[in-house]
Amino acid sequence: MKVAVLRERRAGETRVAATPETVKKLAGMGCAVAVEAGAGLASGIPDAAYAEAGAEVVADPAAALSGAGIVLKVRSPLAAGEGEVDELALIPRGALLIGILGADEAAARAYAERGVDAAAMELLPRITRAQSMDVLSSQANLAGYRAVIEAAEAFGRAFPMMMTAAGTVPAAKVFVMGVGVAGLQAIATARRLGGRVTAVEVTSLIENTFHATIQLMTAAGEARQVDARPSDAIALALRCEVPIRVAESVFRDAHALDMRGSGEDQEKQIQEWLESLTPEQLGKYKM
């Protein structure tokens, strides 16, 4: 099996889809790895490092993709008119494309027309068994670190408290919104730099919206399971301008609704009810 690693051509992209370490692992599995010349230069990896790891360094994407069964990319391949090379046209029919593809319906159709099997890593289920393949978490970790570094650059002052003969400069106050993967790394980085860090978890606000909307959907007075995704519930609440923190009075008022039918029918009824409320009526639901 031939594995092709291409140079990233999209503006601002400095990452590379494989390193000498991963090339060694692929070669150890019996794969022939072809790396386009210059693929790792923006990440500080010379072509010689790939060659030492067992990869064949080739001159252009056409040579790298010729006969490839697996294509590794960080970003989606360039299509006709998007850049200097039509990378998509060079991918062999039946090859597996793996990367952060930002895939949508149009992209899926383009891959299907070309006969390319595409694996968009950003759509991988974020479950325990798939953690080692979770590209979003790994990149969010780096994003949290980089965010603080760039904030320090823009801040224009030192982060830690400085005691000098001329006086004391207080430590920078850093506020982090969200304590997910990126937020936790931002907190750690800011603290290492000497900042005084405060953080808030915004997920609970989203959960309040979800649970409130679900309760509205089940407010007919009987226990019933509603088939709704958190994203649907959040989108519904935001469309209807329902405050993130919804008061319990919303649930009591919703009990007056005599909902029937499936979850979709109930959602429509809830949406119509919420949209019928005046700004004054919505105001009473704010906490």
C-alpha atoms as a PDB file:
ATOM      1  CA  MET A   1       0.000   0.000   0.000  1.00  0.00           C
ATOM      2  CA  LYS A   2       1.388   3.376  -1.032  1.00  0.00           C
ATOM      3  CA  VAL A   3       0.762   6.336   1.268  1.00  0.00           C
ATOM      4  CA  ALA A   4       1.136   9.849  -0.168  1.00  0.00           C
ATOM      5  CA  VAL A   5       1.901  12.918   1.947  1.00  0.00           C
ATOM      6  CA  LEU A   6       1.395  16.215   0.140  1.00  0.00           C
ATOM      7  CA  ARG A   7       2.692  19.694   0.793  1.00  0.00           C
ATOM      8  CA  GLU A   8      -0.042  21.980   2.133  1.00  0.00           C
ATOM      9  CA  ARG A   9      -0.804  24.769  -0.326  1.00  0.00           C
ATOM     10  CA  ARG A  10      -3.625  26.647   1.362  1.00  0.00           C
ATOM     11  CA  ALA A  11      -2.761  30.132   2.604  1.00  0.00           C
ATOM     12  CA  GLY A  12      -1.441  30.293   6.164  1.00  0.00           C
ATOM     13  CA  GLU A  13      -1.199  26.526   6.575  1.00  0.00           C
ATOM     14  CA  THR A  14       2.148  25.508   8.092  1.00  0.00           C
ATOM     15  CA  ARG A  15       1.277  22.020   9.314  1.00  0.00           C
ATOM     16  CA  VAL A  16       2.149  18.741   7.636  1.00  0.00           C
ATOM     17  CA  ALA A  17       0.147  15.516   7.596  1.00  0.00           C
ATOM     18  CA  ALA A  18       3.028  13.230   8.599  1.00  0.00           C
ATOM     19  CA  THR A  19       6.289  13.499  10.521  1.00  0.00           C
ATOM     20  CA  PRO A  20       9.403  11.319  10.324  1.00  0.00           C
ATOM     21  CA  GLU A  21       8.134   9.487  13.406  1.00  0.00           C
ATOM     22  CA  THR A  22       4.808   8.572  11.798  1.00  0.00           C
ATOM     23  CA  VAL A  23       6.570   7.710   8.548  1.00  0.00           C
ATOM     24  CA  LYS A  24       8.636   5.148  10.450  1.00  0.00           C
ATOM     25  CA  LYS A  25       5.456   3.617  11.879  1.00  0.00           C
ATOM     26  CA  LEU A  26       3.854   3.405   8.447  1.00  0.00           C
ATOM     27  CA  ALA A  27       6.983   1.873   6.941  1.00  0.00           C
ATOM     28  CA  GLY A  28       7.064  -0.640   9.781  1.00  0.00           C
ATOM     29  CA  MET A  29       3.531  -1.691   8.797  1.00  0.00           C
ATOM     30  CA  GLY A  30       4.731  -2.428   5.291  1.00  0.00           C
ATOM     31  CA  CYS A  31       3.533   0.771   3.619  1.00  0.00           C
ATOM     32  CA  ALA A  32       5.536   2.602   0.972  1.00  0.00           C
ATOM     33  CA  VAL A  33       5.478   6.302   1.881  1.00  0.00           C
ATOM     34  CA  ALA A  34       5.946   9.033  -0.714  1.00  0.00           C
ATOM     35  CA  VAL A  35       6.433  12.567   0.601  1.00  0.00           C
ATOM     36  CA  GLU A  36       6.266  15.589  -1.682  1.00  0.00           C
ATOM     37  CA  ALA A  37       9.438  17.664  -1.519  1.00  0.00           C
ATOM     38  CA  GLY A  38       9.107  20.580   0.882  1.00  0.00           C
ATOM     39  CA  ALA A  39       6.061  19.142   2.644  1.00  0.00           C
ATOM     40  CA  GLY A  40       7.559  19.574   6.100  1.00  0.00           C
ATOM     41  CA  LEU A  41       9.639  22.712   5.651  1.00  0.00           C
ATOM     42  CA  ALA A  42       6.990  25.058   7.117  1.00  0.00           C
ATOM     43  CA  SER A  43       6.930  22.804  10.207  1.00  0.00           C
ATOM     44  CA  GLY A  44      10.714  22.762  10.511  1.00  0.00           C
ATOM     45  CA  ILE A  45      11.157  19.268   9.050  1.00  0.00           C
ATOM     46  CA  PRO A  46      13.644  18.963   6.162  1.00  0.00           C
ATOM     47  CA  ASP A  47      13.221  16.472   3.336  1.00  0.00           C
ATOM     48  CA  ALA A  48      16.306  14.597   4.548  1.00  0.00           C
ATOM     49  CA  ALA A  49      14.517  13.699   7.796  1.00  0.00           C
ATOM     50  CA  TYR A  50      11.758  11.969   5.840  1.00  0.00           C
ATOM     51  CA  ALA A  51      14.266  10.142   3.686  1.00  0.00           C
ATOM     52  CA  GLU A  52      16.101   8.904   6.788  1.00  0.00           C
ATOM     53  CA  ALA A  53      12.788   7.649   8.179  1.00  0.00           C
ATOM     54  CA  GLY A  54      12.242   5.501   5.107  1.00  0.00           C
ATOM     55  CA  ALA A  55      10.083   7.723   2.885  1.00  0.00           C
ATOM     56  CA  GLU A  56      10.633   8.418  -0.772  1.00  0.00           C
ATOM     57  CA  VAL A  57      10.861  12.177  -1.330  1.00  0.00           C
ATOM     58  CA  VAL A  58       9.382  13.043  -4.719  1.00  0.00           C
ATOM     59  CA  ALA A  59       9.434  16.272  -6.693  1.00  0.00           C
ATOM     60  CA  ASP A  60       5.747  17.081  -7.155  1.00  0.00           C
ATOM     61  CA  PRO A  61       2.233  16.060  -6.100  1.00  0.00           C
ATOM     62  CA  ALA A  62       1.671  14.050  -9.281  1.00  0.00           C
ATOM     63  CA  ALA A  63       4.598  11.780  -8.451  1.00  0.00           C
ATOM     64  CA  ALA A  64       3.504  11.450  -4.826  1.00  0.00           C
ATOM     65  CA  LEU A  65      -0.086  10.566  -5.754  1.00  0.00           C
ATOM     66  CA  SER A  66       0.706   8.178  -8.589  1.00  0.00           C
ATOM     67  CA  GLY A  67      -0.561   4.761  -7.489  1.00  0.00           C
ATOM     68  CA  ALA A  68      -1.346   5.932  -3.951  1.00  0.00           C
ATOM     69  CA  GLY A  69      -3.975   4.021  -2.006  1.00  0.00           C
ATOM     70  CA  ILE A  70      -4.018   6.440   0.963  1.00  0.00           C
ATOM     71  CA  VAL A  71      -3.562  10.217   0.793  1.00  0.00           C
ATOM     72  CA  LEU A  72      -2.716  12.156   3.949  1.00  0.00           C
ATOM     73  CA  LYS A  73      -3.551  15.861   4.055  1.00  0.00           C
ATOM     74  CA  VAL A  74      -3.996  18.408   6.831  1.00  0.00           C
ATOM     75  CA  ARG A  75      -6.505  20.483   4.846  1.00  0.00           C
ATOM     76  CA  SER A  76      -8.711  19.507   1.934  1.00  0.00           C
ATOM     77  CA  PRO A  77      -6.999  19.109  -1.447  1.00  0.00           C
ATOM     78  CA  LEU A  78      -7.183  22.003  -3.866  1.00  0.00           C
ATOM     79  CA  ALA A  79      -9.764  21.639  -6.624  1.00  0.00           C
ATOM     80  CA  ALA A  80      -9.718  23.178 -10.080  1.00  0.00           C
ATOM     81  CA  GLY A  81      -9.365  26.958  -9.888  1.00  0.00           C
ATOM     82  CA  GLU A  82      -8.420  27.022  -6.206  1.00  0.00           C
ATOM     83  CA  GLY A  83      -4.660  27.155  -6.640  1.00  0.00           C
ATOM     84  CA  GLU A  84      -1.630  26.352  -8.718  1.00  0.00           C
ATOM     85  CA  VAL A  85      -2.332  22.607  -8.706  1.00  0.00           C
ATOM     86  CA  ASP A  86      -5.592  20.688  -9.037  1.00  0.00           C
ATOM     87  CA  GLU A  87      -4.742  18.208  -6.285  1.00  0.00           C
ATOM     88  CA  LEU A  88      -8.162  16.580  -6.300  1.00  0.00           C
ATOM     89  CA  ALA A  89      -7.850  15.621  -9.970  1.00  0.00           C
ATOM     90  CA  LEU A  90      -4.513  13.918  -9.255  1.00  0.00           C
ATOM     91  CA  ILE A  91      -5.850  11.622  -6.517  1.00  0.00           C
ATOM     92  CA  PRO A  92      -6.318   8.114  -7.940  1.00  0.00           C
ATOM     93  CA  ARG A  93      -9.857   6.755  -8.135  1.00  0.00           C
ATOM     94  CA  GLY A  94     -10.538   4.475  -5.177  1.00  0.00           C
ATOM     95  CA  ALA A  95      -7.926   6.103  -2.932  1.00  0.00           C
ATOM     96  CA  LEU A  96      -8.684   6.959   0.691  1.00  0.00           C
ATOM     97  CA  LEU A  97      -8.238  10.650   1.548  1.00  0.00           C
ATOM     98  CA  ILE A  98      -7.702  11.415   5.235  1.00  0.00           C
ATOM     99  CA  GLY A  99      -7.544  14.929   6.671  1.00  0.00           C
ATOM    100  CA  ILE A 100      -9.372  17.849   8.253  1.00  0.00           C
ATOM    101  CA  LEU A 101     -11.473  18.311   5.158  1.00  0.00           C
ATOM    102  CA  GLY A 102     -14.148  20.761   6.288  1.00  0.00           C
ATOM    103  CA  ALA A 103     -16.472  18.565   4.282  1.00  0.00           C
ATOM    104  CA  ASP A 104     -19.925  19.739   3.298  1.00  0.00           C
ATOM    105  CA  GLU A 105     -22.470  18.458   0.819  1.00  0.00           C
ATOM    106  CA  ALA A 106     -20.680  20.005  -2.170  1.00  0.00           C
ATOM    107  CA  ALA A 107     -17.324  18.540  -1.113  1.00  0.00           C
ATOM    108  CA  ALA A 108     -18.841  15.108  -0.534  1.00  0.00           C
ATOM    109  CA  ARG A 109     -20.360  15.235  -3.997  1.00  0.00           C
ATOM    110  CA  ALA A 110     -17.016  16.244  -5.537  1.00  0.00           C
ATOM    111  CA  TYR A 111     -15.203  13.366  -3.819  1.00  0.00           C
ATOM    112  CA  ALA A 112     -17.912  10.927  -4.902  1.00  0.00           C
ATOM    113  CA  GLU A 113     -17.693  12.078  -8.525  1.00  0.00           C
ATOM    114  CA  ARG A 114     -13.948  11.543  -8.448  1.00  0.00           C
ATOM    115  CA  GLY A 115     -14.341   8.122  -6.847  1.00  0.00           C
ATOM    116  CA  VAL A 116     -12.377   9.176  -3.763  1.00  0.00           C
ATOM    117  CA  ASP A 117     -13.200   7.764  -0.328  1.00  0.00           C
ATOM    118  CA  ALA A 118     -12.868  10.692   2.086  1.00  0.00           C
ATOM    119  CA  ALA A 119     -12.465  10.535   5.862  1.00  0.00           C
ATOM    120  CA  ALA A 120     -13.058  13.967   7.417  1.00  0.00           C
ATOM    121  CA  MET A 121     -11.301  13.647  10.770  1.00  0.00           C
ATOM    122  CA  GLU A 122     -13.147  16.596  12.291  1.00  0.00           C
ATOM    123  CA  LEU A 123     -16.365  14.555  12.045  1.00  0.00           C
ATOM    124  CA  LEU A 124     -14.965  11.644  14.030  1.00  0.00           C
ATOM    125  CA  PRO A 125     -17.187  10.814  17.037  1.00  0.00           C
ATOM    126  CA  ARG A 126     -15.642  12.332  20.164  1.00  0.00           C
ATOM    127  CA  ILE A 127     -15.805   9.190  22.265  1.00  0.00           C
ATOM    128  CA  THR A 128     -13.301   7.465  24.535  1.00  0.00           C
ATOM    129  CA  ARG A 129     -12.369   4.789  22.012  1.00  0.00           C
ATOM    130  CA  ALA A 130     -11.504   7.420  19.414  1.00  0.00           C
ATOM    131  CA  GLN A 131      -9.481   9.774  21.609  1.00  0.00           C
ATOM    132  CA  SER A 132      -6.190   8.904  19.927  1.00  0.00           C
ATOM    133  CA  MET A 133      -7.685  10.086  16.622  1.00  0.00           C
ATOM    134  CA  ASP A 134      -9.390  13.212  17.993  1.00  0.00           C
ATOM    135  CA  VAL A 135      -7.842  15.941  15.855  1.00  0.00           C
ATOM    136  CA  LEU A 136     -10.128  18.604  17.295  1.00  0.00           C
ATOM    137  CA  SER A 137      -8.880  18.073  20.854  1.00  0.00           C
ATOM    138  CA  SER A 138      -5.224  17.982  19.836  1.00  0.00           C
ATOM    139  CA  GLN A 139      -5.548  21.183  17.824  1.00  0.00           C
ATOM    140  CA  ALA A 140      -7.672  22.863  20.503  1.00  0.00           C
ATOM    141  CA  ASN A 141      -4.900  22.172  23.000  1.00  0.00           C
ATOM    142  CA  LEU A 142      -2.446  24.025  20.794  1.00  0.00           C
ATOM    143  CA  ALA A 143      -4.991  26.763  20.103  1.00  0.00           C
ATOM    144  CA  GLY A 144      -5.383  27.444  23.832  1.00  0.00           C
ATOM    145  CA  TYR A 145      -1.618  27.762  24.221  1.00  0.00           C
ATOM    146  CA  ARG A 146      -1.251  29.966  21.158  1.00  0.00           C
ATOM    147  CA  ALA A 147      -4.144  32.199  22.207  1.00  0.00           C
ATOM    148  CA  VAL A 148      -2.347  33.172  25.413  1.00  0.00           C
ATOM    149  CA  ILE A 149       0.971  33.678  23.632  1.00  0.00           C
ATOM    150  CA  GLU A 150      -0.678  36.022  21.135  1.00  0.00           C
ATOM    151  CA  ALA A 151      -2.577  37.761  23.942  1.00  0.00           C
ATOM    152  CA  ALA A 152       0.718  38.352  25.741  1.00  0.00           C
ATOM    153  CA  GLU A 153       2.147  39.882  22.574  1.00  0.00           C
ATOM    154  CA  ALA A 154      -0.863  42.171  22.143  1.00  0.00           C
ATOM    155  CA  PHE A 155      -0.978  43.046  25.866  1.00  0.00           C
ATOM    156  CA  GLY A 156       2.258  44.984  25.657  1.00  0.00           C
ATOM    157  CA  ARG A 157       3.199  44.419  29.311  1.00  0.00           C
ATOM    158  CA  ALA A 158       4.714  41.643  31.378  1.00  0.00           C
ATOM    159  CA  PHE A 159       2.339  38.950  32.667  1.00  0.00           C
ATOM    160  CA  PRO A 160       3.927  38.300  36.099  1.00  0.00           C
ATOM    161  CA  MET A 161       4.108  40.785  38.940  1.00  0.00           C
ATOM    162  CA  MET A 162       7.349  42.756  38.672  1.00  0.00           C
ATOM    163  CA  MET A 163       8.955  44.318  41.764  1.00  0.00           C
ATOM    164  CA  THR A 164      11.571  46.852  40.786  1.00  0.00           C
ATOM    165  CA  ALA A 165      13.390  49.752  42.381  1.00  0.00           C
ATOM    166  CA  ALA A 166      11.016  52.071  40.536  1.00  0.00           C
ATOM    167  CA  GLY A 167       7.906  50.376  41.880  1.00  0.00           C
ATOM    168  CA  THR A 168       5.723  47.301  41.523  1.00  0.00           C
ATOM    169  CA  VAL A 169       3.946  46.295  38.338  1.00  0.00           C
ATOM    170  CA  PRO A 170       0.897  44.125  39.154  1.00  0.00           C
ATOM    171  CA  ALA A 171       0.372  40.796  37.442  1.00  0.00           C
ATOM    172  CA  ALA A 172      -1.809  40.741  34.349  1.00  0.00           C
ATOM    173  CA  LYS A 173      -5.414  39.684  34.891  1.00  0.00           C
ATOM    174  CA  VAL A 174      -6.427  36.984  32.410  1.00  0.00           C
ATOM    175  CA  PHE A 175     -10.046  35.988  31.823  1.00  0.00           C
ATOM    176  CA  VAL A 176     -10.697  32.707  30.016  1.00  0.00           C
ATOM    177  CA  MET A 177     -14.167  31.923  28.667  1.00  0.00           C
ATOM    178  CA  GLY A 178     -14.711  28.190  28.508  1.00  0.00           C
ATOM    179  CA  VAL A 179     -12.726  25.490  30.283  1.00  0.00           C
ATOM    180  CA  GLY A 180     -12.714  22.811  27.641  1.00  0.00           C
ATOM    181  CA  VAL A 181      -9.528  21.504  26.064  1.00  0.00           C
ATOM    182  CA  ALA A 182      -8.462  24.895  24.726  1.00  0.00           C
ATOM    183  CA  GLY A 183      -9.550  26.739  27.855  1.00  0.00           C
ATOM    184  CA  LEU A 184      -7.658  24.449  30.226  1.00  0.00           C
ATOM    185  CA  GLN A 185      -4.486  24.862  28.219  1.00  0.00           C
ATOM    186  CA  ALA A 186      -5.009  28.633  28.132  1.00  0.00           C
ATOM    187  CA  ILE A 187      -5.386  28.679  31.917  1.00  0.00           C
ATOM    188  CA  ALA A 188      -2.223  26.638  32.399  1.00  0.00           C
ATOM    189  CA  THR A 189      -0.214  28.754  29.971  1.00  0.00           C
ATOM    190  CA  ALA A 190      -1.379  32.045  31.464  1.00  0.00           C
ATOM    191  CA  ARG A 191      -0.512  30.833  34.952  1.00  0.00           C
ATOM    192  CA  ARG A 192       2.922  29.674  33.827  1.00  0.00           C
ATOM    193  CA  LEU A 193       3.500  33.165  32.458  1.00  0.00           C
ATOM    194  CA  GLY A 194       2.595  34.616  35.865  1.00  0.00           C
ATOM    195  CA  GLY A 195      -0.866  35.981  35.139  1.00  0.00           C
ATOM    196  CA  ARG A 196      -3.789  36.072  37.581  1.00  0.00           C
ATOM    197  CA  VAL A 197      -6.301  33.818  35.882  1.00  0.00           C
ATOM    198  CA  THR A 198     -10.077  33.753  36.153  1.00  0.00           C
ATOM    199  CA  ALA A 199     -12.178  31.391  34.059  1.00  0.00           C
ATOM    200  CA  VAL A 200     -15.857  30.654  33.494  1.00  0.00           C
ATOM    201  CA  GLU A 201     -17.465  27.527  32.070  1.00  0.00           C
ATOM    202  CA  VAL A 202     -19.927  28.449  29.343  1.00  0.00           C
ATOM    203  CA  THR A 203     -21.073  24.878  28.700  1.00  0.00           C
ATOM    204  CA  SER A 204     -23.501  25.048  31.632  1.00  0.00           C
ATOM    205  CA  LEU A 205     -25.251  27.946  29.905  1.00  0.00           C
ATOM    206  CA  ILE A 206     -25.704  25.844  26.773  1.00  0.00           C
ATOM    207  CA  GLU A 207     -26.916  22.907  28.831  1.00  0.00           C
ATOM    208  CA  ASN A 208     -29.496  25.148  30.499  1.00  0.00           C
ATOM    209  CA  THR A 209     -30.838  26.053  27.072  1.00  0.00           C
ATOM    210  CA  PHE A 210     -30.976  22.409  26.013  1.00  0.00           C
ATOM    211  CA  HIS A 211     -32.681  21.144  29.135  1.00  0.00           C
ATOM    212  CA  ALA A 212     -35.105  24.051  29.212  1.00  0.00           C
ATOM    213  CA  THR A 213     -36.141  23.444  25.619  1.00  0.00           C
ATOM    214  CA  ILE A 214     -36.507  19.720  26.195  1.00  0.00           C
ATOM    215  CA  GLN A 215     -38.761  20.461  29.155  1.00  0.00           C
ATOM    216  CA  LEU A 216     -40.795  22.765  26.959  1.00  0.00           C
ATOM    217  CA  MET A 217     -41.105  19.994  24.403  1.00  0.00           C
ATOM    218  CA  THR A 218     -42.364  17.595  27.056  1.00  0.00           C
ATOM    219  CA  ALA A 219     -44.597  20.107  28.810  1.00  0.00           C
ATOM    220  CA  ALA A 220     -47.895  18.456  27.832  1.00  0.00           C
ATOM    221  CA  GLY A 221     -48.089  17.059  31.354  1.00  0.00           C
ATOM    222  CA  GLU A 222     -47.053  13.490  30.603  1.00  0.00           C
ATOM    223  CA  ALA A 223     -43.623  11.864  30.555  1.00  0.00           C
ATOM    224  CA  ARG A 224     -42.530  11.250  26.995  1.00  0.00           C
ATOM    225  CA  GLN A 225     -39.142  10.836  25.346  1.00  0.00           C
ATOM    226  CA  VAL A 226     -38.329  13.520  22.803  1.00  0.00           C
ATOM    227  CA  ASP A 227     -35.925  12.739  19.975  1.00  0.00           C
ATOM    228  CA  ALA A 228     -33.953  15.977  19.769  1.00  0.00           C
ATOM    229  CA  ARG A 229     -30.273  16.792  19.488  1.00  0.00           C
ATOM    230  CA  PRO A 230     -28.683  19.446  21.726  1.00  0.00           C
ATOM    231  CA  SER A 231     -27.814  21.483  18.632  1.00  0.00           C
ATOM    232  CA  ASP A 232     -31.460  21.454  17.537  1.00  0.00           C
ATOM    233  CA  ALA A 233     -32.642  22.584  20.946  1.00  0.00           C
ATOM    234  CA  ILE A 234     -30.056  25.346  21.184  1.00  0.00           C
ATOM    235  CA  ALA A 235     -30.827  26.552  17.668  1.00  0.00           C
ATOM    236  CA  LEU A 236     -34.542  26.585  18.479  1.00  0.00           C
ATOM    237  CA  ALA A 237     -34.045  28.583  21.663  1.00  0.00           C
ATOM    238  CA  LEU A 238     -31.755  31.103  19.988  1.00  0.00           C
ATOM    239  CA  ARG A 239     -34.061  31.517  16.991  1.00  0.00           C
ATOM    240  CA  CYS A 240     -36.906  32.313  19.347  1.00  0.00           C
ATOM    241  CA  GLU A 241     -34.746  34.716  21.373  1.00  0.00           C
ATOM    242  CA  VAL A 242     -35.229  32.743  24.565  1.00  0.00           C
ATOM    243  CA  PRO A 243     -32.636  33.804  27.174  1.00  0.00           C
ATOM    244  CA  ILE A 244     -29.916  31.262  27.865  1.00  0.00           C
ATOM    245  CA  ARG A 245     -31.034  30.943  31.501  1.00  0.00           C
ATOM    246  CA  VAL A 246     -34.773  30.263  31.302  1.00  0.00           C
ATOM    247  CA  ALA A 247     -36.877  30.704  34.436  1.00  0.00           C
ATOM    248  CA  GLU A 248     -39.069  27.936  35.779  1.00  0.00           C
ATOM    249  CA  SER A 249     -42.115  30.010  34.902  1.00  0.00           C
ATOM    250  CA  VAL A 250     -41.491  29.112  31.252  1.00  0.00           C
ATOM    251  CA  PHE A 251     -42.195  25.474  32.096  1.00  0.00           C
ATOM    252  CA  ARG A 252     -45.386  26.322  33.963  1.00  0.00           C
ATOM    253  CA  ASP A 253     -46.669  28.459  31.118  1.00  0.00           C
ATOM    254  CA  ALA A 254     -45.793  25.784  28.584  1.00  0.00           C
ATOM    255  CA  HIS A 255     -48.017  23.307  30.401  1.00  0.00           C
ATOM    256  CA  ALA A 256     -50.967  25.123  28.862  1.00  0.00           C
ATOM    257  CA  LEU A 257     -49.920  23.753  25.478  1.00  0.00           C
ATOM    258  CA  ASP A 258     -51.806  20.660  24.388  1.00  0.00           C
ATOM    259  CA  MET A 259     -49.046  19.077  22.286  1.00  0.00           C
ATOM    260  CA  ARG A 260     -49.653  16.062  20.100  1.00  0.00           C
ATOM    261  CA  GLY A 261     -47.669  14.100  17.547  1.00  0.00           C
ATOM    262  CA  SER A 262     -43.968  13.393  17.101  1.00  0.00           C
ATOM    263  CA  GLY A 263     -40.988  15.293  18.463  1.00  0.00           C
ATOM    264  CA  GLU A 264     -40.835  17.360  15.255  1.00  0.00           C
ATOM    265  CA  ASP A 265     -44.510  18.310  15.598  1.00  0.00           C
ATOM    266  CA  GLN A 266     -43.962  19.298  19.221  1.00  0.00           C
ATOM    267  CA  GLU A 267     -40.923  21.368  18.285  1.00  0.00           C
ATOM    268  CA  LYS A 268     -42.990  23.250  15.716  1.00  0.00           C
ATOM    269  CA  GLN A 269     -45.711  23.932  18.287  1.00  0.00           C
ATOM    270  CA  ILE A 270     -43.150  25.123  20.844  1.00  0.00           C
ATOM    271  CA  GLN A 271     -41.504  27.359  18.256  1.00  0.00           C
ATOM    272  CA  GLU A 272     -44.829  28.901  17.234  1.00  0.00           C
ATOM    273  CA  TRP A 273     -45.707  29.512  20.890  1.00  0.00           C
ATOM    274  CA  LEU A 274     -42.373  31.133  21.690  1.00  0.00           C
ATOM    275  CA  GLU A 275     -42.440  33.281  18.575  1.00  0.00           C
ATOM    276  CA  SER A 276     -45.912  34.491  19.522  1.00  0.00           C
ATOM    277  CA  LEU A 277     -44.604  36.009  22.747  1.00  0.00           C
ATOM    278  CA  THR A 278     -44.005  39.743  22.860  1.00  0.00           C
ATOM    279  CA  PRO A 279     -40.678  41.200  24.048  1.00  0.00           C
ATOM    280  CA  GLU A 280     -42.418  42.082  27.332  1.00  0.00           C
ATOM    281  CA  GLN A 281     -43.559  38.491  27.784  1.00  0.00           C
ATOM    282  CA  LEU A 282     -40.109  37.166  26.973  1.00  0.00           C
ATOM    283  CA  GLY A 283     -38.636  39.601  29.466  1.00  0.00           C
ATOM    284  CA  LYS A 284     -40.315  37.915  32.408  1.00  0.00           C
ATOM    285  CA  TYR A 285     -38.409  34.712  31.684  1.00  0.00           C
ATOM    286  CA  LYS A 286     -35.025  36.325  32.277  1.00  0.00           C
ATOM    287  CA  MET A 287     -33.320  35.258  35.484  1.00  0.00           C
END
